[in-house]
Amino acid sequence: MSIAQNTETKLMEKIRSLPPDKITVLEDFIDFLLTRSEARLLVYTATKLSEAAFAKIWDNPEDAEYDEL
């Protein structure tokens, strides 16, 4: 059995042993983690997409003085 399968099996055993009210809490936590990951990916993607546009604004001779600050 691979490490991933072993980990999954252990997690499933632990989840099955939880009472129903804790399952709900666990599901909420998993949803929170997934949402946070999606939000980080969205911010990263937006940042990468805007780099070219901002480079035109930031990289200019008029603002070179501010690069020294």
N, C-alpha and C. Protein backbone atom coordinates (compact mmCIF):
# COMPACT_ATOMS: atom_id res chain seq x y z
N MET A 1 0.85 -1.17 0.00
CA MET A 1 0.00 0.00 0.00
C MET A 1 0.90 1.24 0.00
N SER A 2 0.58 2.20 -0.85
CA SER A 2 1.38 3.42 -0.93
C SER A 2 1.12 4.32 0.27
N ILE A 3 1.99 5.28 0.46
CA ILE A 3 1.85 6.22 1.58
C ILE A 3 0.53 6.99 1.46
N ALA A 4 0.20 7.42 0.24
CA ALA A 4 -1.04 8.18 0.03
C ALA A 4 -2.26 7.32 0.37
N GLN A 5 -2.25 6.08 -0.07
CA GLN A 5 -3.38 5.19 0.23
C GLN A 5 -3.47 4.92 1.72
N ASN A 6 -2.32 4.73 2.36
CA ASN A 6 -2.29 4.48 3.79
C ASN A 6 -2.84 5.68 4.56
N THR A 7 -2.43 6.86 4.15
CA THR A 7 -2.91 8.09 4.79
C THR A 7 -4.42 8.23 4.60
N GLU A 8 -4.87 7.97 3.38
CA GLU A 8 -6.31 8.06 3.10
C GLU A 8 -7.09 7.08 3.95
N THR A 9 -6.59 5.87 4.07
CA THR A 9 -7.26 4.85 4.88
C THR A 9 -7.35 5.28 6.34
N LYS A 10 -6.26 5.79 6.88
CA LYS A 10 -6.25 6.26 8.27
C LYS A 10 -7.24 7.40 8.47
N LEU A 11 -7.24 8.34 7.52
CA LEU A 11 -8.17 9.47 7.62
C LEU A 11 -9.63 9.00 7.58
N MET A 12 -9.92 8.10 6.68
CA MET A 12 -11.29 7.60 6.56
C MET A 12 -11.72 6.88 7.83
N GLU A 13 -10.82 6.12 8.43
CA GLU A 13 -11.14 5.44 9.69
C GLU A 13 -11.45 6.45 10.79
N LYS A 14 -10.64 7.49 10.85
CA LYS A 14 -10.87 8.53 11.86
C LYS A 14 -12.18 9.25 11.62
N ILE A 15 -12.47 9.56 10.36
CA ILE A 15 -13.71 10.26 10.03
C ILE A 15 -14.91 9.39 10.39
N ARG A 16 -14.84 8.12 10.08
CA ARG A 16 -15.96 7.20 10.38
C ARG A 16 -16.20 7.09 11.89
N SER A 17 -15.18 7.32 12.69
CA SER A 17 -15.34 7.19 14.14
C SER A 17 -15.91 8.46 14.79
N LEU A 18 -16.02 9.54 14.02
CA LEU A 18 -16.53 10.79 14.57
C LEU A 18 -18.05 10.75 14.71
N PRO A 19 -18.57 11.44 15.74
CA PRO A 19 -20.03 11.58 15.84
C PRO A 19 -20.54 12.53 14.76
N PRO A 20 -21.82 12.44 14.42
CA PRO A 20 -22.38 13.24 13.33
C PRO A 20 -22.13 14.74 13.45
N ASP A 21 -22.20 15.29 14.66
CA ASP A 21 -22.01 16.74 14.80
C ASP A 21 -20.57 17.14 14.47
N LYS A 22 -19.63 16.26 14.74
CA LYS A 22 -18.23 16.54 14.41
C LYS A 22 -17.98 16.39 12.91
N ILE A 23 -18.73 15.52 12.26
CA ILE A 23 -18.62 15.36 10.80
C ILE A 23 -19.00 16.68 10.13
N THR A 24 -20.04 17.33 10.64
CA THR A 24 -20.47 18.61 10.09
C THR A 24 -19.38 19.66 10.27
N VAL A 25 -18.75 19.68 11.43
CA VAL A 25 -17.67 20.63 11.68
C VAL A 25 -16.50 20.34 10.75
N LEU A 26 -16.18 19.07 10.58
CA LEU A 26 -15.09 18.68 9.69
C LEU A 26 -15.39 19.09 8.25
N GLU A 27 -16.61 18.88 7.81
CA GLU A 27 -16.98 19.27 6.45
C GLU A 27 -16.85 20.78 6.25
N ASP A 28 -17.27 21.54 7.25
CA ASP A 28 -17.12 23.00 7.17
C ASP A 28 -15.65 23.40 7.09
N PHE A 29 -14.81 22.73 7.87
CA PHE A 29 -13.38 23.03 7.85
C PHE A 29 -12.77 22.69 6.50
N ILE A 30 -13.15 21.56 5.93
CA ILE A 30 -12.64 21.18 4.61
C ILE A 30 -13.07 22.21 3.57
N ASP A 31 -14.32 22.63 3.63
CA ASP A 31 -14.80 23.67 2.71
C ASP A 31 -14.01 24.96 2.87
N PHE A 32 -13.70 25.32 4.12
CA PHE A 32 -12.90 26.51 4.39
C PHE A 32 -11.52 26.38 3.74
N LEU A 33 -10.88 25.24 3.92
CA LEU A 33 -9.55 25.04 3.33
C LEU A 33 -9.59 25.12 1.81
N LEU A 34 -10.60 24.52 1.21
CA LEU A 34 -10.72 24.56 -0.25
C LEU A 34 -10.96 25.98 -0.74
N THR A 35 -11.82 26.71 -0.06
CA THR A 35 -12.10 28.09 -0.44
C THR A 35 -10.86 28.96 -0.32
N ARG A 36 -10.11 28.77 0.76
CA ARG A 36 -8.88 29.54 0.96
C ARG A 36 -7.87 29.24 -0.14
N SER A 37 -7.76 27.98 -0.52
CA SER A 37 -6.84 27.61 -1.60
C SER A 37 -7.27 28.24 -2.92
N GLU A 38 -8.56 28.22 -3.19
CA GLU A 38 -9.07 28.81 -4.42
C GLU A 38 -8.83 30.32 -4.43
N ALA A 39 -9.02 30.96 -3.28
CA ALA A 39 -8.81 32.41 -3.19
C ALA A 39 -7.35 32.76 -3.43
N ARG A 40 -6.45 31.97 -2.86
CA ARG A 40 -5.02 32.22 -3.08
C ARG A 40 -4.65 32.04 -4.54
N LEU A 41 -5.21 31.02 -5.17
CA LEU A 41 -4.94 30.79 -6.58
C LEU A 41 -5.47 31.95 -7.42
N LEU A 42 -6.63 32.45 -7.08
CA LEU A 42 -7.21 33.58 -7.81
C LEU A 42 -6.33 34.83 -7.68
N VAL A 43 -5.86 35.10 -6.47
CA VAL A 43 -4.99 36.26 -6.25
C VAL A 43 -3.69 36.09 -7.02
N TYR A 44 -3.11 34.91 -6.96
CA TYR A 44 -1.85 34.64 -7.67
C TYR A 44 -2.04 34.83 -9.18
N THR A 45 -3.13 34.28 -9.71
CA THR A 45 -3.40 34.37 -11.14
C THR A 45 -3.62 35.83 -11.55
N ALA A 46 -4.39 36.57 -10.77
CA ALA A 46 -4.63 37.98 -11.09
C ALA A 46 -3.33 38.77 -11.05
N THR A 47 -2.48 38.47 -10.09
CA THR A 47 -1.18 39.15 -9.99
C THR A 47 -0.34 38.88 -11.22
N LYS A 48 -0.27 37.62 -11.61
CA LYS A 48 0.53 37.26 -12.78
C LYS A 48 -0.02 37.92 -14.05
N LEU A 49 -1.33 37.94 -14.19
CA LEU A 49 -1.93 38.53 -15.38
C LEU A 49 -1.71 40.04 -15.45
N SER A 50 -1.60 40.69 -14.30
CA SER A 50 -1.44 42.15 -14.30
C SER A 50 0.02 42.60 -14.37
N GLU A 51 0.97 41.70 -14.22
CA GLU A 51 2.38 42.08 -14.21
C GLU A 51 2.79 42.84 -15.48
N ALA A 52 2.37 42.37 -16.62
CA ALA A 52 2.76 43.03 -17.88
C ALA A 52 2.21 44.45 -17.95
N ALA A 53 0.96 44.62 -17.55
CA ALA A 53 0.36 45.95 -17.58
C ALA A 53 1.06 46.89 -16.60
N PHE A 54 1.34 46.40 -15.40
CA PHE A 54 2.01 47.24 -14.41
C PHE A 54 3.46 47.52 -14.79
N ALA A 55 4.09 46.60 -15.48
CA ALA A 55 5.49 46.82 -15.88
C ALA A 55 5.60 48.05 -16.77
N LYS A 56 4.62 48.25 -17.62
CA LYS A 56 4.63 49.44 -18.50
C LYS A 56 4.52 50.72 -17.67
N ILE A 57 3.76 50.66 -16.60
CA ILE A 57 3.57 51.84 -15.77
C ILE A 57 4.77 52.06 -14.84
N TRP A 58 5.24 50.99 -14.23
CA TRP A 58 6.29 51.11 -13.22
C TRP A 58 7.68 51.31 -13.82
N ASP A 59 7.93 50.72 -14.95
CA ASP A 59 9.27 50.80 -15.55
C ASP A 59 9.33 51.96 -16.54
N ASN A 60 9.51 53.15 -16.01
CA ASN A 60 9.64 54.31 -16.88
C ASN A 60 10.67 55.26 -16.29
N PRO A 61 11.29 56.06 -17.12
CA PRO A 61 12.36 56.96 -16.65
C PRO A 61 11.88 57.99 -15.62
N GLU A 62 10.64 58.44 -15.75
CA GLU A 62 10.13 59.46 -14.83
C GLU A 62 10.09 58.96 -13.39
N ASP A 63 9.86 57.68 -13.22
CA ASP A 63 9.75 57.12 -11.87
C ASP A 63 11.03 56.47 -11.38
N ALA A 64 12.10 56.59 -12.13
CA ALA A 64 13.36 55.96 -11.75
C ALA A 64 13.87 56.44 -10.39
N GLU A 65 13.58 57.70 -10.06
CA GLU A 65 14.00 58.25 -8.76
C GLU A 65 13.41 57.45 -7.61
N TYR A 66 12.17 57.02 -7.78
CA TYR A 66 11.50 56.29 -6.71
C TYR A 66 12.10 54.90 -6.52
N ASP A 67 12.75 54.37 -7.52
CA ASP A 67 13.39 53.07 -7.39
C ASP A 67 14.53 53.10 -6.39
N GLU A 68 15.08 54.29 -6.17
CA GLU A 68 16.21 54.44 -5.25
C GLU A 68 15.77 54.57 -3.80
N LEU A 69 14.50 54.75 -3.54
CA LEU A 69 14.01 54.93 -2.17
C LEU A 69 14.05 53.65 -1.38
